[in-house]
Each structure stands twice: as C-alpha cells, then as structure tokens.
Amino acid sequence: GASAGMHLAIRFLDDTIDDQQVSRSALQQNIVAPALSAHAIGKRKQSWSGLMLGYAQVDSQDMAILVRRLARIIEQHRNA
C-alpha cells in the first residue's frame, strides 16, 4: 500500500525543466509523480528538480505504457 515506501526518485539534469509543471501535467493524465523540488528546502530547492515515482501499486503490465507517457510529458516540457 501507500505506506510501503516503494518509490524511485529521478532528477532532471536539464535545469530548464520545471518539475512542478511536469508533475501537474502528469496528474492531468492520471499519473501521480510529485515534484522533488516541493520536498527540498533552502538552496537545495534549485538543484532538486525531478520526480518521485511510486510503483508499489502499479500493475507490471501497465508500467511500460506509463513510463512512455511520462517520458513524453517530460519531453514536452523540455522543448517548451
């Protein structure tokens, strides 16, 4: 369940990508991927850009499709 702590953090090396915008766009497509910067404090807030991905309750058959959808969302924000 949600308390199992099954998460993967990915960082964006491209500092032009706004992780909070990516997170909102993903949520519009029913993908919950909280922005890492929302959990950072102080000076780290600028360097902690990325997403926290929970996968404990994602069916393994759906994983590849969801990863491709998320990759497209990230790519759209990189080119914005």
Protein backbone atom coordinates (compact mmCIF):
# COMPACT_ATOMS: atom_id res chain seq x y z
CA GLY A 1 0.00 0.00 0.00
CA ALA A 2 0.89 3.67 0.16
CA SER A 3 2.83 3.18 3.38
CA ALA A 4 5.12 0.55 1.83
CA GLY A 5 7.62 3.19 0.70
CA MET A 6 8.17 1.83 -2.80
CA HIS A 7 9.48 4.94 -4.57
CA LEU A 8 12.02 5.91 -7.15
CA ALA A 9 13.41 9.45 -7.35
CA ILE A 10 14.56 10.75 -10.71
CA ARG A 11 16.46 14.03 -11.07
CA PHE A 12 16.32 16.28 -14.10
CA LEU A 13 19.81 17.22 -15.22
CA ASP A 14 18.30 19.77 -17.60
CA ASP A 15 17.66 22.76 -15.33
CA THR A 16 15.22 24.29 -17.82
CA ILE A 17 12.60 21.66 -16.93
CA ASP A 18 10.18 22.80 -14.23
CA ASP A 19 9.44 19.67 -12.22
CA GLN A 20 6.31 21.17 -10.70
CA GLN A 21 4.85 21.86 -14.14
CA VAL A 22 5.74 18.32 -15.22
CA SER A 23 4.07 16.97 -12.09
CA ARG A 24 0.87 18.92 -12.82
CA SER A 25 0.82 17.77 -16.45
CA ALA A 26 1.33 14.17 -15.40
CA LEU A 27 -1.52 14.42 -12.90
CA GLN A 28 -3.81 15.63 -15.71
CA GLN A 29 -3.07 12.25 -17.35
CA ASN A 30 -3.71 10.35 -14.10
CA ILE A 31 -0.02 9.84 -13.35
CA VAL A 32 0.91 10.82 -9.80
CA ALA A 33 4.52 12.00 -9.82
CA PRO A 34 5.21 14.62 -7.13
CA ALA A 35 7.91 17.19 -7.83
CA LEU A 36 11.14 16.71 -5.88
CA SER A 37 11.56 20.46 -5.51
CA ALA A 38 8.37 20.53 -3.42
CA HIS A 39 10.23 18.47 -0.80
CA ALA A 40 13.52 20.43 -0.84
CA ILE A 41 14.43 23.31 1.45
CA GLY A 42 16.81 26.23 1.23
CA LYS A 43 19.43 26.25 -1.52
CA ARG A 44 18.71 22.63 -2.44
CA LYS A 45 15.32 23.65 -3.84
CA GLN A 46 17.02 24.86 -7.02
CA SER A 47 19.10 21.74 -7.56
CA TRP A 48 16.43 19.21 -6.58
CA SER A 49 14.41 19.14 -9.76
CA GLY A 50 12.83 15.84 -10.69
CA LEU A 51 10.02 13.49 -9.77
CA MET A 52 9.22 10.98 -7.07
CA LEU A 53 7.65 7.89 -8.63
CA GLY A 54 5.69 5.44 -6.54
CA TYR A 55 5.37 2.00 -8.08
CA ALA A 56 4.12 -0.31 -5.32
CA GLN A 57 0.56 -0.38 -6.64
CA VAL A 58 1.25 -0.15 -10.38
CA ASP A 59 0.47 -3.29 -12.33
CA SER A 60 3.66 -4.52 -14.01
CA GLN A 61 1.79 -4.84 -17.32
CA ASP A 62 0.97 -1.11 -17.22
CA MET A 63 4.46 0.06 -16.25
CA ALA A 64 5.97 0.38 -19.75
CA ILE A 65 2.99 2.33 -21.06
CA LEU A 66 3.04 4.72 -18.11
CA VAL A 67 6.79 5.27 -18.40
CA ARG A 68 6.42 6.15 -22.10
CA ARG A 69 3.58 8.57 -21.32
CA LEU A 70 5.62 10.22 -18.59
CA ALA A 71 8.65 10.46 -20.89
CA ARG A 72 6.51 12.26 -23.49
CA ILE A 73 5.28 14.69 -20.85
CA ILE A 74 8.84 15.44 -19.72
CA GLU A 75 9.98 15.88 -23.33
CA GLN A 76 7.16 18.36 -23.99
CA HIS A 77 8.28 20.46 -21.04
CA ARG A 78 11.92 20.32 -22.12
CA ASN A 79 11.05 21.76 -25.51
CA ALA A 80 8.64 24.37 -24.11
